[in-house]
Amino acid sequence: MDDAALQAAAGVKEADEVLLRVPEDLILTEERPEPGIVVRKIELPARIDPRQLKDEEIAELLNACLPENPQVIDAWREGNVFTVIEHVEE
């Protein structure tokens, strides 16, 4: 995904001169609670309000942080943190 698409996904307007660098500006964590399951948490910077993002923008942002063709079991948002649970082949 190019920089313009990432900025659009983050709801950042060029005129604002606010940049969101993916993944540098995000806090990304990964846990493996059991074999074949990965829990990823993607935290946005405080300056980005996820409630202002469109569904398509959120999907693009998450896709930029996930592996190709993830097998998503569940996903949700709490505040500025998106949690994605995936099934992975071990």
N, C-alpha and C. Protein backbone atom coordinates (compact mmCIF):
# COMPACT_ATOMS: atom_id res chain seq x y z
N MET A 1 0.86 -1.17 0.00
CA MET A 1 0.00 0.00 0.00
C MET A 1 0.90 1.23 0.00
N ASP A 2 0.61 2.22 -0.86
CA ASP A 2 1.46 3.40 -0.93
C ASP A 2 1.14 4.38 0.19
N ASP A 3 2.00 5.41 0.35
CA ASP A 3 1.84 6.37 1.44
C ASP A 3 0.50 7.08 1.39
N ALA A 4 0.05 7.47 0.21
CA ALA A 4 -1.23 8.18 0.10
C ALA A 4 -2.37 7.30 0.57
N ALA A 5 -2.35 6.03 0.22
CA ALA A 5 -3.40 5.10 0.64
C ALA A 5 -3.37 4.91 2.15
N LEU A 6 -2.16 4.81 2.72
CA LEU A 6 -2.05 4.66 4.17
C LEU A 6 -2.56 5.89 4.89
N GLN A 7 -2.23 7.07 4.36
CA GLN A 7 -2.72 8.30 4.97
C GLN A 7 -4.24 8.36 4.90
N ALA A 8 -4.79 7.98 3.74
CA ALA A 8 -6.25 7.97 3.59
C ALA A 8 -6.87 6.97 4.55
N ALA A 9 -6.22 5.82 4.72
CA ALA A 9 -6.74 4.80 5.62
C ALA A 9 -6.76 5.29 7.06
N ALA A 10 -5.82 6.14 7.39
CA ALA A 10 -5.73 6.66 8.75
C ALA A 10 -6.58 7.92 8.94
N GLY A 11 -7.25 8.35 7.90
CA GLY A 11 -8.10 9.53 8.02
C GLY A 11 -7.30 10.82 8.12
N VAL A 12 -6.09 10.82 7.61
CA VAL A 12 -5.23 11.99 7.69
C VAL A 12 -5.34 12.77 6.39
N LYS A 13 -5.61 14.05 6.52
CA LYS A 13 -5.71 14.92 5.35
C LYS A 13 -4.37 15.60 5.13
N GLU A 14 -3.98 15.74 3.85
CA GLU A 14 -2.70 16.35 3.54
C GLU A 14 -2.60 17.76 4.10
N ALA A 15 -3.67 18.52 4.07
CA ALA A 15 -3.64 19.90 4.54
C ALA A 15 -3.32 19.98 6.03
N ASP A 16 -3.63 18.93 6.77
CA ASP A 16 -3.37 18.93 8.21
C ASP A 16 -1.88 18.75 8.52
N GLU A 17 -1.11 18.28 7.56
CA GLU A 17 0.30 17.99 7.73
C GLU A 17 0.57 17.06 8.90
N VAL A 18 -0.39 16.22 9.21
CA VAL A 18 -0.22 15.20 10.24
C VAL A 18 0.01 13.89 9.50
N LEU A 19 1.10 13.24 9.82
CA LEU A 19 1.43 12.00 9.14
C LEU A 19 1.26 10.82 10.07
N LEU A 20 0.78 9.74 9.51
CA LEU A 20 0.72 8.48 10.24
C LEU A 20 1.60 7.52 9.49
N ARG A 21 2.68 7.13 10.10
CA ARG A 21 3.59 6.18 9.48
C ARG A 21 3.23 4.79 9.98
N VAL A 22 2.91 3.93 9.03
CA VAL A 22 2.54 2.56 9.37
C VAL A 22 3.72 1.68 9.03
N PRO A 23 4.24 0.91 9.94
CA PRO A 23 3.78 0.66 11.30
C PRO A 23 4.47 1.51 12.37
N GLU A 24 5.38 2.43 11.98
CA GLU A 24 6.20 3.15 12.96
C GLU A 24 5.39 3.88 14.03
N ASP A 25 4.26 4.49 13.66
CA ASP A 25 3.48 5.26 14.62
C ASP A 25 2.48 4.41 15.41
N LEU A 26 2.40 3.15 15.08
CA LEU A 26 1.46 2.25 15.76
C LEU A 26 2.18 1.43 16.82
N ILE A 27 1.44 1.00 17.81
CA ILE A 27 1.98 0.05 18.78
C ILE A 27 1.38 -1.30 18.41
N LEU A 28 2.22 -2.20 17.95
CA LEU A 28 1.79 -3.51 17.49
C LEU A 28 2.27 -4.57 18.47
N THR A 29 1.34 -5.39 18.94
CA THR A 29 1.72 -6.50 19.81
C THR A 29 1.11 -7.78 19.25
N GLU A 30 1.76 -8.88 19.55
CA GLU A 30 1.31 -10.19 19.08
C GLU A 30 1.48 -11.20 20.20
N GLU A 31 0.43 -11.96 20.45
CA GLU A 31 0.48 -13.02 21.45
C GLU A 31 0.05 -14.32 20.78
N ARG A 32 0.56 -15.42 21.28
CA ARG A 32 0.17 -16.76 20.81
C ARG A 32 -0.32 -17.55 22.02
N PRO A 33 -1.60 -17.39 22.38
CA PRO A 33 -2.11 -18.03 23.59
C PRO A 33 -2.19 -19.55 23.49
N GLU A 34 -2.26 -20.06 22.26
CA GLU A 34 -2.27 -21.51 22.03
C GLU A 34 -1.83 -21.78 20.61
N PRO A 35 -1.40 -23.00 20.32
CA PRO A 35 -0.96 -23.31 18.96
C PRO A 35 -2.06 -23.01 17.94
N GLY A 36 -1.66 -22.36 16.85
CA GLY A 36 -2.59 -22.06 15.78
C GLY A 36 -3.41 -20.79 15.97
N ILE A 37 -3.23 -20.09 17.09
CA ILE A 37 -3.99 -18.86 17.36
C ILE A 37 -3.01 -17.71 17.60
N VAL A 38 -3.26 -16.59 16.92
CA VAL A 38 -2.48 -15.37 17.12
C VAL A 38 -3.45 -14.25 17.47
N VAL A 39 -3.13 -13.51 18.53
CA VAL A 39 -3.90 -12.33 18.92
C VAL A 39 -3.02 -11.12 18.64
N ARG A 40 -3.47 -10.28 17.71
CA ARG A 40 -2.72 -9.06 17.36
C ARG A 40 -3.47 -7.85 17.88
N LYS A 41 -2.73 -6.93 18.47
CA LYS A 41 -3.31 -5.67 18.92
C LYS A 41 -2.61 -4.55 18.17
N ILE A 42 -3.42 -3.66 17.61
CA ILE A 42 -2.92 -2.54 16.81
C ILE A 42 -3.45 -1.27 17.46
N GLU A 43 -2.53 -0.52 18.08
CA GLU A 43 -2.93 0.70 18.79
C GLU A 43 -2.59 1.92 17.96
N LEU A 44 -3.60 2.76 17.73
CA LEU A 44 -3.41 4.00 17.00
C LEU A 44 -2.86 5.08 17.93
N PRO A 45 -2.14 6.05 17.38
CA PRO A 45 -1.70 7.18 18.21
C PRO A 45 -2.91 7.94 18.74
N ALA A 46 -2.74 8.62 19.86
CA ALA A 46 -3.84 9.34 20.49
C ALA A 46 -4.44 10.41 19.58
N ARG A 47 -3.63 10.95 18.65
CA ARG A 47 -4.13 12.02 17.78
C ARG A 47 -5.11 11.52 16.71
N ILE A 48 -5.21 10.21 16.53
CA ILE A 48 -6.12 9.63 15.55
C ILE A 48 -7.34 9.08 16.27
N ASP A 49 -8.51 9.59 15.93
CA ASP A 49 -9.76 9.14 16.53
C ASP A 49 -10.38 8.08 15.63
N PRO A 50 -10.35 6.80 16.04
CA PRO A 50 -10.86 5.74 15.16
C PRO A 50 -12.35 5.88 14.87
N ARG A 51 -13.08 6.60 15.71
CA ARG A 51 -14.52 6.79 15.45
C ARG A 51 -14.76 7.66 14.23
N GLN A 52 -13.75 8.41 13.82
CA GLN A 52 -13.87 9.28 12.66
C GLN A 52 -13.52 8.56 11.36
N LEU A 53 -13.01 7.33 11.46
CA LEU A 53 -12.61 6.57 10.28
C LEU A 53 -13.80 5.81 9.70
N LYS A 54 -13.82 5.72 8.39
CA LYS A 54 -14.84 4.92 7.70
C LYS A 54 -14.44 3.45 7.81
N ASP A 55 -15.41 2.57 7.65
CA ASP A 55 -15.13 1.13 7.71
C ASP A 55 -14.05 0.73 6.71
N GLU A 56 -14.11 1.30 5.51
CA GLU A 56 -13.13 0.97 4.46
C GLU A 56 -11.73 1.42 4.88
N GLU A 57 -11.62 2.57 5.54
CA GLU A 57 -10.33 3.08 5.99
C GLU A 57 -9.76 2.19 7.09
N ILE A 58 -10.62 1.74 7.99
CA ILE A 58 -10.17 0.83 9.05
C ILE A 58 -9.68 -0.48 8.44
N ALA A 59 -10.42 -1.00 7.49
CA ALA A 59 -10.03 -2.25 6.84
C ALA A 59 -8.68 -2.11 6.16
N GLU A 60 -8.44 -1.00 5.47
CA GLU A 60 -7.16 -0.78 4.81
C GLU A 60 -6.02 -0.68 5.82
N LEU A 61 -6.26 0.02 6.91
CA LEU A 61 -5.24 0.17 7.94
C LEU A 61 -4.89 -1.19 8.56
N LEU A 62 -5.92 -1.95 8.91
CA LEU A 62 -5.68 -3.27 9.51
C LEU A 62 -4.98 -4.20 8.53
N ASN A 63 -5.40 -4.17 7.27
CA ASN A 63 -4.77 -5.02 6.26
C ASN A 63 -3.29 -4.69 6.09
N ALA A 64 -2.92 -3.42 6.28
CA ALA A 64 -1.52 -3.04 6.18
C ALA A 64 -0.69 -3.64 7.32
N CYS A 65 -1.35 -4.00 8.42
CA CYS A 65 -0.65 -4.52 9.60
C CYS A 65 -0.75 -6.04 9.74
N LEU A 66 -1.54 -6.68 8.90
CA LEU A 66 -1.74 -8.12 8.98
C LEU A 66 -1.01 -8.83 7.86
N PRO A 67 -0.73 -10.12 8.03
CA PRO A 67 -0.11 -10.87 6.94
C PRO A 67 -1.09 -11.02 5.77
N GLU A 68 -0.57 -11.41 4.65
CA GLU A 68 -1.41 -11.61 3.47
C GLU A 68 -2.40 -12.75 3.73
N ASN A 69 -3.64 -12.55 3.35
CA ASN A 69 -4.73 -13.54 3.49
C ASN A 69 -4.87 -14.08 4.91
N PRO A 70 -5.06 -13.20 5.89
CA PRO A 70 -5.21 -13.70 7.26
C PRO A 70 -6.53 -14.46 7.43
N GLN A 71 -6.52 -15.43 8.30
CA GLN A 71 -7.73 -16.19 8.63
C GLN A 71 -8.28 -15.62 9.94
N VAL A 72 -9.02 -14.52 9.81
CA VAL A 72 -9.52 -13.79 10.98
C VAL A 72 -10.69 -14.54 11.60
N ILE A 73 -10.58 -14.78 12.91
CA ILE A 73 -11.64 -15.44 13.67
C ILE A 73 -12.56 -14.39 14.28
N ASP A 74 -11.95 -13.31 14.81
CA ASP A 74 -12.73 -12.26 15.46
C ASP A 74 -11.91 -10.98 15.44
N ALA A 75 -12.59 -9.84 15.51
CA ALA A 75 -11.92 -8.54 15.58
C ALA A 75 -12.85 -7.55 16.27
N TRP A 76 -12.23 -6.62 17.03
CA TRP A 76 -13.02 -5.59 17.69
C TRP A 76 -12.10 -4.41 18.03
N ARG A 77 -12.76 -3.30 18.43
CA ARG A 77 -12.04 -2.09 18.82
C ARG A 77 -12.45 -1.70 20.22
N GLU A 78 -11.44 -1.34 21.02
CA GLU A 78 -11.66 -0.77 22.35
C GLU A 78 -10.81 0.50 22.41
N GLY A 79 -11.46 1.65 22.39
CA GLY A 79 -10.71 2.91 22.37
C GLY A 79 -9.90 3.00 21.09
N ASN A 80 -8.59 3.22 21.24
CA ASN A 80 -7.70 3.33 20.09
C ASN A 80 -7.02 2.01 19.73
N VAL A 81 -7.47 0.91 20.31
CA VAL A 81 -6.81 -0.39 20.09
C VAL A 81 -7.75 -1.33 19.34
N PHE A 82 -7.25 -1.84 18.22
CA PHE A 82 -7.95 -2.87 17.46
C PHE A 82 -7.33 -4.21 17.83
N THR A 83 -8.17 -5.18 18.14
CA THR A 83 -7.70 -6.53 18.44
C THR A 83 -8.21 -7.46 17.36
N VAL A 84 -7.29 -8.26 16.82
CA VAL A 84 -7.63 -9.22 15.76
C VAL A 84 -7.14 -10.59 16.19
N ILE A 85 -8.05 -11.57 16.18
CA ILE A 85 -7.68 -12.95 16.49
C ILE A 85 -7.66 -13.72 15.17
N GLU A 86 -6.55 -14.40 14.94
CA GLU A 86 -6.36 -15.13 13.68
C GLU A 86 -6.04 -16.60 13.95
N HIS A 87 -6.42 -17.42 12.99
CA HIS A 87 -5.98 -18.82 12.97
C HIS A 87 -4.77 -18.85 12.03
N VAL A 88 -3.69 -19.49 12.48
CA VAL A 88 -2.49 -19.61 11.64
C VAL A 88 -2.08 -21.08 11.57
N GLU A 89 -1.53 -21.43 10.45
CA GLU A 89 -1.00 -22.79 10.28
C GLU A 89 0.37 -22.84 10.96
N GLU A 90 0.57 -23.82 11.80
CA GLU A 90 1.84 -23.98 12.52
C GLU A 90 2.73 -24.95 11.79
